[in-house]
Amino acid sequence: MANEYRSIVEYFGEHEGYRCGYCGSKDTNYSHGMWAHRMTTTDYQDLIDRGWRRSGKYCYKPKMDVICCPQYAIRLDILNVKLTTSQKKVLKKVHKFLNDNIRPHGKSGMEDENGQRGGMLIEEKPGQESNENVADTMPATISDHYMRVDMDAIRKEDKTNDSMSVPSSTVSVANNEAKVKEPKSQVKGADPNKPPCKKAKLIRMERKQRKLQARGISLDQMEKRASKGNEEKTLEQFFSEIKKDAHNKLEVKIISSSPRSKEFTDTMQQSYELYKKYQQAMHNDPPDKCTQKQWIRFLVDSPIKTELQYDGPSIGYGSFHEQFWLNGCLICVGVLDILPYCISSKYLYYDPDFEFMSLGTYSALREIALTRKLHNEVPDIKYYCMGFYVHSCPKMKYKVQFSIEMF
């Protein structure tokens, strides 16, 4: 029993540089490394605090002074989380899809049932030339009407020009003289007879106040409502907006991956197929590099064993998979380690068909909410470790949106 609470590791000495997974360089990636046969949660927490990470049972720490792409270990203090505007938009977008089945428009949106992409109709400014034939985009009756009007105008103009034919040189000289004699337009400013313009936001506020006054609401009640509306909404309040009778049902499960629980074993094949689909679509990995053996070695095997302690979280410490099920279909999996002082996010893979849900940001917010929930059980758990941040990697830009700190 005593050996179960000891860590057994095998340290690897100096080695040559190996391939960098971020820039693709062949021999510019250097790190300290060791193979962990067994690791207690306390020992791994100490390694996390010193910038170490793990890939399966292999633990490593980049050599920042010689590595090609510096990898900064980052974490987030969950007690001081402040949601950014973009994060709030992601939450509202996902919850709108869950509650009302409304998919976002634009680049991240997907084609609707009619095969058309949603978006805004942009009108051309006066004098702006278009590369498309406007008549082709009009209904037949409208385009025919305008074509007839244009042809009648052209015929009248031709007859007028024929009856008043003037040498071209004379016309050009007359035009030049007219341009010279034409006085410059003077800016007179705003029309004093018209009321001053107001901002659209102020107009909306005044309109809302008139409606509330018509309903018999006093100015004091309006001020109370305004002050209440200015209160910052918490992350938990955002997640509570998901309706119980939502059109799309999202279920989030936390299951043990080491040792493998029954729930993990039952969904193991689905989880692997999702990983393979993600790697091939998002990272262009060939099929021979997305084998089930590689997935198990990378994201399932863990030296950290589940520890249930009387003063620990009810779920226990150890390695887990957080599964996102949408209408009974697995769409996203986050690989986590729950440790004495933090939740360490190891990896995330999701269904590329649901990329419009911004699952990288949304799952991170879900994991932050999980950390806050565990903090209520165990006050020592107050950090959310987001792994490494590599500035040159575009896929990690979303991490900058969080109030991260490096250690």
Protein backbone atom coordinates (compact mmCIF):
# COMPACT_ATOMS: atom_id res chain seq x y z
CA MET A 1 0.00 0.00 0.00
CA ALA A 2 2.85 2.38 0.78
CA ASN A 3 4.21 2.07 -2.77
CA GLU A 4 0.92 3.35 -4.19
CA TYR A 5 1.64 6.75 -2.67
CA ARG A 6 5.11 7.01 -4.18
CA SER A 7 6.07 8.29 -7.61
CA ILE A 8 8.33 6.13 -9.77
CA VAL A 9 9.98 7.96 -12.67
CA GLU A 10 12.79 7.28 -15.12
CA TYR A 11 14.70 10.43 -16.08
CA PHE A 12 16.17 10.74 -19.56
CA GLY A 13 19.52 12.51 -19.90
CA GLU A 14 20.66 14.93 -22.55
CA HIS A 15 19.44 14.18 -26.05
CA GLU A 16 19.61 15.75 -29.48
CA GLY A 17 16.97 18.10 -30.80
CA TYR A 18 13.84 16.60 -32.32
CA ARG A 19 11.06 17.78 -34.60
CA CYS A 20 8.97 20.78 -33.51
CA GLY A 21 5.24 20.23 -33.89
CA TYR A 22 4.55 23.97 -34.22
CA CYS A 23 6.97 25.24 -36.88
CA GLY A 24 7.87 21.87 -38.41
CA SER A 25 11.61 22.29 -37.95
CA LYS A 26 13.41 18.93 -37.79
CA ASP A 27 15.87 19.32 -34.91
CA THR A 28 15.18 22.55 -32.98
CA ASN A 29 12.93 21.24 -30.18
CA TYR A 30 14.68 20.56 -26.87
CA SER A 31 13.20 19.56 -23.52
CA HIS A 32 13.85 17.79 -20.24
CA GLY A 33 12.02 14.47 -20.12
CA MET A 34 11.19 11.51 -17.93
CA TRP A 35 8.95 8.47 -18.09
CA ALA A 36 6.52 8.30 -15.18
CA HIS A 37 5.63 4.73 -14.26
CA ARG A 38 3.54 6.03 -11.36
CA MET A 39 2.84 9.57 -10.20
CA THR A 40 0.97 10.92 -7.20
CA THR A 41 -1.29 13.91 -7.70
CA THR A 42 0.81 15.95 -5.26
CA ASP A 43 4.05 15.25 -7.14
CA TYR A 44 2.49 16.04 -10.49
CA GLN A 45 1.06 19.26 -9.03
CA ASP A 46 4.61 20.25 -8.07
CA LEU A 47 5.78 19.53 -11.62
CA ILE A 48 2.89 21.57 -13.09
CA ASP A 49 3.90 24.52 -10.89
CA ARG A 50 7.41 24.32 -12.36
CA GLY A 51 6.30 24.34 -16.00
CA TRP A 52 6.15 20.58 -16.69
CA ARG A 53 3.46 18.88 -18.77
CA ARG A 54 2.70 15.31 -19.74
CA SER A 55 1.89 13.41 -22.92
CA GLY A 56 0.50 10.09 -21.77
CA LYS A 57 3.04 8.84 -19.26
CA TYR A 58 5.88 10.93 -20.68
CA CYS A 59 6.54 14.15 -18.70
CA TYR A 60 8.55 16.98 -20.24
CA LYS A 61 9.61 20.58 -19.79
CA PRO A 62 10.82 22.68 -22.75
CA LYS A 63 14.29 24.22 -22.60
CA MET A 64 13.26 27.81 -23.14
CA ASP A 65 16.78 29.12 -23.81
CA VAL A 66 17.39 26.93 -26.88
CA ILE A 67 13.95 25.87 -28.17
CA CYS A 68 12.74 27.25 -31.52
CA CYS A 69 9.14 27.99 -30.46
CA PRO A 70 9.00 29.07 -26.79
CA GLN A 71 6.23 27.30 -24.88
CA TYR A 72 4.95 29.29 -21.91
CA ALA A 73 3.06 27.44 -19.18
CA ILE A 74 -0.06 29.49 -18.39
CA ARG A 75 -2.82 29.34 -15.82
CA LEU A 76 -5.91 31.28 -14.82
CA ASP A 77 -7.05 32.37 -11.36
CA ILE A 78 -10.68 31.26 -11.36
CA LEU A 79 -11.55 33.61 -8.48
CA ASN A 80 -10.82 36.66 -10.66
CA VAL A 81 -12.39 35.61 -13.94
CA LYS A 82 -13.73 38.48 -16.05
CA LEU A 83 -15.51 37.50 -19.22
CA THR A 84 -14.54 39.43 -22.32
CA THR A 85 -17.03 40.65 -24.91
CA SER A 86 -15.99 37.95 -27.37
CA GLN A 87 -16.43 35.21 -24.74
CA LYS A 88 -19.91 36.49 -23.92
CA LYS A 89 -20.74 36.40 -27.61
CA VAL A 90 -19.60 32.78 -27.80
CA LEU A 91 -21.80 31.83 -24.83
CA LYS A 92 -24.82 33.61 -26.28
CA LYS A 93 -24.20 32.10 -29.71
CA VAL A 94 -23.99 28.54 -28.39
CA HIS A 95 -26.97 28.91 -26.06
CA LYS A 96 -29.03 30.44 -28.86
CA PHE A 97 -28.26 27.38 -30.95
CA LEU A 98 -29.12 25.04 -28.07
CA ASN A 99 -32.36 26.80 -27.07
CA ASP A 100 -33.76 27.85 -30.44
CA ASN A 101 -31.68 25.90 -33.00
CA ILE A 102 -30.44 29.18 -34.54
CA ARG A 103 -27.01 28.79 -36.09
CA PRO A 104 -24.70 31.78 -36.38
CA HIS A 105 -24.24 33.55 -39.70
CA GLY A 106 -20.99 34.57 -41.30
CA LYS A 107 -17.73 32.69 -41.69
CA SER A 108 -18.31 30.38 -38.75
CA GLY A 109 -21.89 29.62 -39.74
CA MET A 110 -22.91 26.56 -41.67
CA GLU A 111 -25.27 26.22 -44.59
CA ASP A 112 -28.93 26.18 -43.64
CA GLU A 113 -31.54 23.73 -44.88
CA ASN A 114 -31.92 25.62 -48.16
CA GLY A 115 -28.21 25.33 -48.88
CA GLN A 116 -27.76 29.09 -48.53
CA ARG A 117 -25.38 30.78 -46.16
CA GLY A 118 -26.76 33.37 -43.81
CA GLY A 119 -25.37 36.86 -43.93
CA MET A 120 -26.11 40.53 -44.37
CA LEU A 121 -27.22 42.12 -47.62
CA ILE A 122 -24.76 44.94 -48.31
CA GLU A 123 -26.10 47.80 -50.40
CA GLU A 124 -23.73 49.64 -52.69
CA LYS A 125 -22.99 53.30 -52.05
CA PRO A 126 -23.97 55.86 -54.71
CA GLY A 127 -21.33 56.08 -57.38
CA GLN A 128 -19.75 52.75 -56.41
CA GLU A 129 -19.29 50.42 -59.34
CA SER A 130 -20.31 46.80 -59.05
CA ASN A 131 -18.59 43.81 -60.63
CA GLU A 132 -21.91 42.03 -61.03
CA ASN A 133 -24.71 42.69 -63.49
CA VAL A 134 -27.51 44.10 -61.34
CA ALA A 135 -30.14 43.13 -63.87
CA ASP A 136 -29.16 39.47 -63.47
CA THR A 137 -29.93 39.56 -59.75
CA MET A 138 -33.36 41.27 -60.16
CA PRO A 139 -36.66 39.46 -60.67
CA ALA A 140 -37.64 39.22 -64.34
CA THR A 141 -40.54 41.71 -64.13
CA ILE A 142 -38.48 44.38 -62.37
CA SER A 143 -35.40 44.03 -64.57
CA ASP A 144 -37.53 44.11 -67.76
CA HIS A 145 -39.25 47.29 -66.57
CA TYR A 146 -35.99 49.11 -65.93
CA MET A 147 -34.47 47.87 -69.18
CA ARG A 148 -37.45 49.31 -71.11
CA VAL A 149 -37.15 52.65 -69.30
CA ASP A 150 -33.43 52.81 -70.02
CA MET A 151 -33.89 52.04 -73.72
CA ASP A 152 -36.59 54.75 -74.09
CA ALA A 153 -34.31 57.27 -72.41
CA ILE A 154 -31.44 56.32 -74.71
CA ARG A 155 -33.60 56.74 -77.86
CA LYS A 156 -34.76 60.20 -76.73
CA GLU A 157 -31.21 61.21 -75.97
CA ASP A 158 -30.02 60.03 -79.41
CA LYS A 159 -32.71 62.10 -81.19
CA THR A 160 -31.79 65.18 -79.18
CA ASN A 161 -28.10 64.76 -79.94
CA ASP A 162 -28.82 64.34 -83.67
CA SER A 163 -30.85 67.56 -83.84
CA MET A 164 -28.24 69.49 -81.88
CA SER A 165 -25.06 68.09 -83.40
CA VAL A 166 -22.01 70.14 -82.47
CA PRO A 167 -18.36 69.45 -83.37
CA SER A 168 -16.65 67.44 -80.68
CA SER A 169 -13.89 70.01 -80.26
CA THR A 170 -16.47 72.74 -79.54
CA VAL A 171 -18.22 70.57 -76.93
CA SER A 172 -14.98 69.78 -75.12
CA VAL A 173 -14.01 73.46 -75.02
CA ALA A 174 -17.44 74.44 -73.73
CA ASN A 175 -17.26 71.81 -71.02
CA ASN A 176 -13.81 72.99 -69.95
CA GLU A 177 -15.04 76.58 -69.76
CA ALA A 178 -18.03 75.49 -67.72
CA LYS A 179 -15.76 73.64 -65.32
CA VAL A 180 -13.57 76.70 -64.91
CA LYS A 181 -16.50 79.08 -64.33
CA GLU A 182 -18.27 76.72 -61.92
CA PRO A 183 -17.90 78.10 -58.37
CA LYS A 184 -16.64 75.86 -55.60
CA SER A 185 -19.26 74.50 -53.25
CA GLN A 186 -19.16 76.05 -49.79
CA VAL A 187 -19.83 74.04 -46.66
CA LYS A 188 -22.67 75.73 -44.77
CA GLY A 189 -22.78 73.30 -41.83
CA ALA A 190 -25.85 71.81 -40.17
CA ASP A 191 -29.28 73.13 -40.98
CA PRO A 192 -30.31 75.36 -38.03
CA ASN A 193 -33.99 74.73 -38.79
CA LYS A 194 -33.64 71.00 -38.08
CA PRO A 195 -33.22 69.44 -34.59
CA PRO A 196 -29.68 68.27 -33.73
CA CYS A 197 -28.82 64.67 -34.56
CA LYS A 198 -28.75 62.10 -31.77
CA LYS A 199 -26.84 58.91 -31.43
CA ALA A 200 -28.75 55.74 -32.13
CA LYS A 201 -28.07 54.46 -28.60
CA LEU A 202 -29.62 57.60 -27.06
CA ILE A 203 -32.66 57.32 -29.33
CA ARG A 204 -33.18 53.70 -28.25
CA MET A 205 -32.91 54.69 -24.57
CA GLU A 206 -35.47 57.47 -24.97
CA ARG A 207 -37.83 55.15 -26.83
CA LYS A 208 -37.53 52.56 -24.05
CA GLN A 209 -38.19 55.19 -21.38
CA ARG A 210 -41.36 56.31 -23.17
CA LYS A 211 -42.60 52.72 -23.32
CA LEU A 212 -41.90 52.17 -19.62
CA GLN A 213 -43.65 55.44 -18.71
CA ALA A 214 -46.66 54.36 -20.78
CA ARG A 215 -46.78 51.20 -18.66
CA GLY A 216 -46.84 53.29 -15.48
CA ILE A 217 -43.23 52.68 -14.36
CA SER A 218 -41.72 55.59 -12.45
CA LEU A 219 -38.26 57.10 -12.94
CA ASP A 220 -37.00 55.55 -9.68
CA GLN A 221 -37.99 52.11 -10.89
CA MET A 222 -36.24 52.80 -14.18
CA GLU A 223 -33.01 53.71 -12.36
CA LYS A 224 -33.19 50.53 -10.28
CA ARG A 225 -33.63 48.47 -13.42
CA ALA A 226 -30.71 50.26 -15.08
CA SER A 227 -28.40 49.66 -12.10
CA LYS A 228 -29.42 46.01 -11.97
CA GLY A 229 -28.74 45.66 -15.69
CA ASN A 230 -25.23 47.05 -15.24
CA GLU A 231 -24.24 44.24 -12.86
CA GLU A 232 -21.70 41.86 -14.36
CA LYS A 233 -23.27 38.51 -15.16
CA THR A 234 -21.35 35.53 -13.80
CA LEU A 235 -20.28 32.50 -15.77
CA GLU A 236 -22.75 30.34 -13.87
CA GLN A 237 -25.59 32.71 -14.76
CA PHE A 238 -24.73 32.37 -18.44
CA PHE A 239 -24.90 28.57 -18.24
CA SER A 240 -28.20 28.74 -16.35
CA GLU A 241 -29.76 30.36 -19.46
CA ILE A 242 -29.88 26.97 -21.18
CA LYS A 243 -33.54 25.94 -21.09
CA LYS A 244 -34.63 22.59 -19.73
CA ASP A 245 -36.76 22.11 -22.84
CA ALA A 246 -34.06 23.37 -25.21
CA HIS A 247 -34.36 22.40 -28.86
CA ASN A 248 -30.87 20.85 -28.79
CA LYS A 249 -29.89 19.03 -25.61
CA LEU A 250 -26.26 19.36 -24.50
CA GLU A 251 -25.06 16.94 -21.83
CA VAL A 252 -21.61 17.24 -20.23
CA LYS A 253 -20.14 14.16 -18.51
CA ILE A 254 -16.94 13.78 -16.47
CA ILE A 255 -15.68 10.19 -16.61
CA SER A 256 -12.51 8.58 -15.29
CA SER A 257 -9.98 7.51 -17.92
CA SER A 258 -7.30 6.10 -15.59
CA PRO A 259 -8.42 3.66 -14.36
CA ARG A 260 -10.98 3.30 -17.13
CA SER A 261 -14.52 3.55 -15.83
CA LYS A 262 -17.44 1.65 -17.32
CA GLU A 263 -18.73 4.82 -18.97
CA PHE A 264 -15.33 5.35 -20.58
CA THR A 265 -15.14 1.76 -21.85
CA ASP A 266 -18.65 1.95 -23.31
CA THR A 267 -17.86 5.14 -25.26
CA MET A 268 -14.22 4.39 -26.04
CA GLN A 269 -14.73 3.63 -29.75
CA GLN A 270 -16.86 6.74 -30.30
CA SER A 271 -14.27 8.89 -28.59
CA TYR A 272 -11.46 7.47 -30.73
CA GLU A 273 -13.41 7.96 -33.98
CA LEU A 274 -14.00 11.58 -33.01
CA TYR A 275 -10.29 12.06 -32.31
CA LYS A 276 -9.34 10.56 -35.68
CA LYS A 277 -11.82 12.78 -37.52
CA TYR A 278 -10.51 15.87 -35.73
CA GLN A 279 -6.83 15.12 -36.36
CA GLN A 280 -7.33 14.46 -40.06
CA ALA A 281 -9.56 17.52 -40.64
CA MET A 282 -7.87 20.10 -38.41
CA HIS A 283 -4.22 18.96 -38.41
CA ASN A 284 -4.06 17.12 -41.76
CA ASP A 285 -2.68 14.00 -40.07
CA PRO A 286 -2.49 10.90 -42.31
CA PRO A 287 -4.59 7.88 -41.24
CA ASP A 288 -1.53 5.87 -40.22
CA LYS A 289 -0.73 8.45 -37.53
CA CYS A 290 -4.23 8.40 -36.04
CA THR A 291 -4.33 4.82 -34.84
CA GLN A 292 -6.20 3.77 -31.73
CA LYS A 293 -2.93 2.67 -30.14
CA GLN A 294 -1.49 6.15 -30.62
CA TRP A 295 -4.65 7.75 -29.17
CA ILE A 296 -4.50 5.53 -26.09
CA ARG A 297 -0.80 6.23 -25.55
CA PHE A 298 -1.30 9.98 -25.99
CA LEU A 299 -4.65 10.77 -24.32
CA VAL A 300 -5.80 7.75 -22.31
CA ASP A 301 -2.76 6.31 -20.53
CA SER A 302 -1.82 8.28 -17.43
CA PRO A 303 0.63 7.74 -14.56
CA ILE A 304 -1.82 9.55 -12.26
CA LYS A 305 -4.21 7.23 -10.51
CA THR A 306 -7.55 8.29 -9.08
CA GLU A 307 -7.30 9.29 -5.42
CA LEU A 308 -10.39 9.60 -3.24
CA GLN A 309 -9.63 11.61 -0.11
CA TYR A 310 -11.94 12.66 2.70
CA ASP A 311 -10.98 16.32 2.25
CA GLY A 312 -10.83 16.16 -1.57
CA PRO A 313 -13.48 16.71 -4.25
CA SER A 314 -16.35 14.24 -4.49
CA ILE A 315 -15.20 13.19 -7.95
CA GLY A 316 -11.69 12.54 -6.66
CA TYR A 317 -8.26 13.47 -8.01
CA GLY A 318 -6.86 11.92 -11.18
CA SER A 319 -7.21 11.87 -14.99
CA PHE A 320 -10.60 12.36 -16.63
CA HIS A 321 -12.31 12.91 -19.96
CA GLU A 322 -14.97 15.61 -20.18
CA GLN A 323 -17.44 14.54 -22.86
CA PHE A 324 -19.90 16.87 -24.62
CA TRP A 325 -22.96 15.04 -25.96
CA LEU A 326 -25.32 16.91 -28.31
CA ASN A 327 -28.64 15.15 -28.85
CA GLY A 328 -27.01 11.84 -27.96
CA CYS A 329 -24.02 12.35 -30.29
CA LEU A 330 -20.46 12.86 -29.00
CA ILE A 331 -19.15 16.15 -30.44
CA CYS A 332 -16.30 17.18 -28.13
CA VAL A 333 -13.87 15.68 -25.60
CA GLY A 334 -11.59 17.52 -23.19
CA VAL A 335 -8.76 15.64 -21.45
CA LEU A 336 -8.26 16.86 -17.86
CA ASP A 337 -6.19 16.20 -14.76
CA ILE A 338 -7.83 17.15 -11.45
CA LEU A 339 -5.05 18.01 -8.98
CA PRO A 340 -4.90 19.36 -5.40
CA TYR A 341 -4.64 23.02 -6.49
CA CYS A 342 -5.87 23.14 -10.07
CA ILE A 343 -7.52 21.54 -13.05
CA SER A 344 -4.98 20.96 -15.79
CA SER A 345 -6.36 20.98 -19.33
CA LYS A 346 -4.32 18.58 -21.44
CA TYR A 347 -5.98 18.36 -24.86
CA LEU A 348 -9.23 19.00 -26.71
CA TYR A 349 -10.69 17.43 -29.84
CA TYR A 350 -14.10 17.96 -31.39
CA ASP A 351 -16.25 17.28 -34.43
CA PRO A 352 -15.24 19.74 -37.21
CA ASP A 353 -18.89 19.84 -38.33
CA PHE A 354 -19.64 21.81 -35.15
CA GLU A 355 -16.81 24.29 -35.49
CA PHE A 356 -19.40 27.08 -35.62
CA MET A 357 -19.92 26.56 -31.86
CA SER A 358 -16.37 27.83 -31.11
CA LEU A 359 -15.79 24.73 -29.00
CA GLY A 360 -12.23 25.72 -28.07
CA THR A 361 -13.47 28.78 -26.16
CA TYR A 362 -16.74 27.25 -25.02
CA SER A 363 -15.14 24.11 -23.56
CA ALA A 364 -12.53 26.24 -21.77
CA LEU A 365 -15.33 28.27 -20.15
CA ARG A 366 -17.02 25.01 -19.17
CA GLU A 367 -13.81 23.78 -17.57
CA ILE A 368 -13.42 27.07 -15.70
CA ALA A 369 -16.96 26.61 -14.38
CA LEU A 370 -16.03 23.07 -13.30
CA THR A 371 -12.97 24.42 -11.47
CA ARG A 372 -15.12 26.98 -9.67
CA LYS A 373 -17.55 24.23 -8.70
CA LEU A 374 -14.73 22.11 -7.26
CA HIS A 375 -13.41 25.20 -5.47
CA ASN A 376 -16.67 25.32 -3.51
CA GLU A 377 -15.91 21.78 -2.31
CA VAL A 378 -12.13 22.20 -1.90
CA PRO A 379 -11.04 25.86 -1.47
CA ASP A 380 -7.43 24.99 -2.40
CA ILE A 381 -8.50 24.30 -6.01
CA LYS A 382 -8.40 27.79 -7.48
CA TYR A 383 -6.39 27.59 -10.71
CA TYR A 384 -7.20 26.46 -14.23
CA CYS A 385 -4.02 25.48 -16.10
CA MET A 386 -4.37 25.88 -19.86
CA GLY A 387 -1.17 24.10 -20.85
CA PHE A 388 1.35 25.90 -23.03
CA TYR A 389 0.94 29.09 -24.98
CA VAL A 390 2.94 29.36 -28.22
CA HIS A 391 2.71 32.84 -29.72
CA SER A 392 3.47 31.66 -33.26
CA CYS A 393 0.66 29.06 -33.23
CA PRO A 394 -2.63 30.51 -34.58
CA LYS A 395 -4.69 27.77 -32.91
CA MET A 396 -3.67 29.10 -29.48
CA LYS A 397 -4.73 32.71 -30.04
CA TYR A 398 -7.99 32.11 -28.16
CA LYS A 399 -6.02 31.61 -24.94
CA VAL A 400 -4.97 35.27 -24.96
CA GLN A 401 -8.61 36.26 -24.41
CA PHE A 402 -8.41 34.87 -20.88
CA SER A 403 -6.80 36.66 -17.94
CA ILE A 404 -3.85 34.29 -17.98
CA GLU A 405 -0.63 34.44 -16.00
CA MET A 406 2.65 32.72 -16.85
CA PHE A 407 4.70 30.70 -14.39
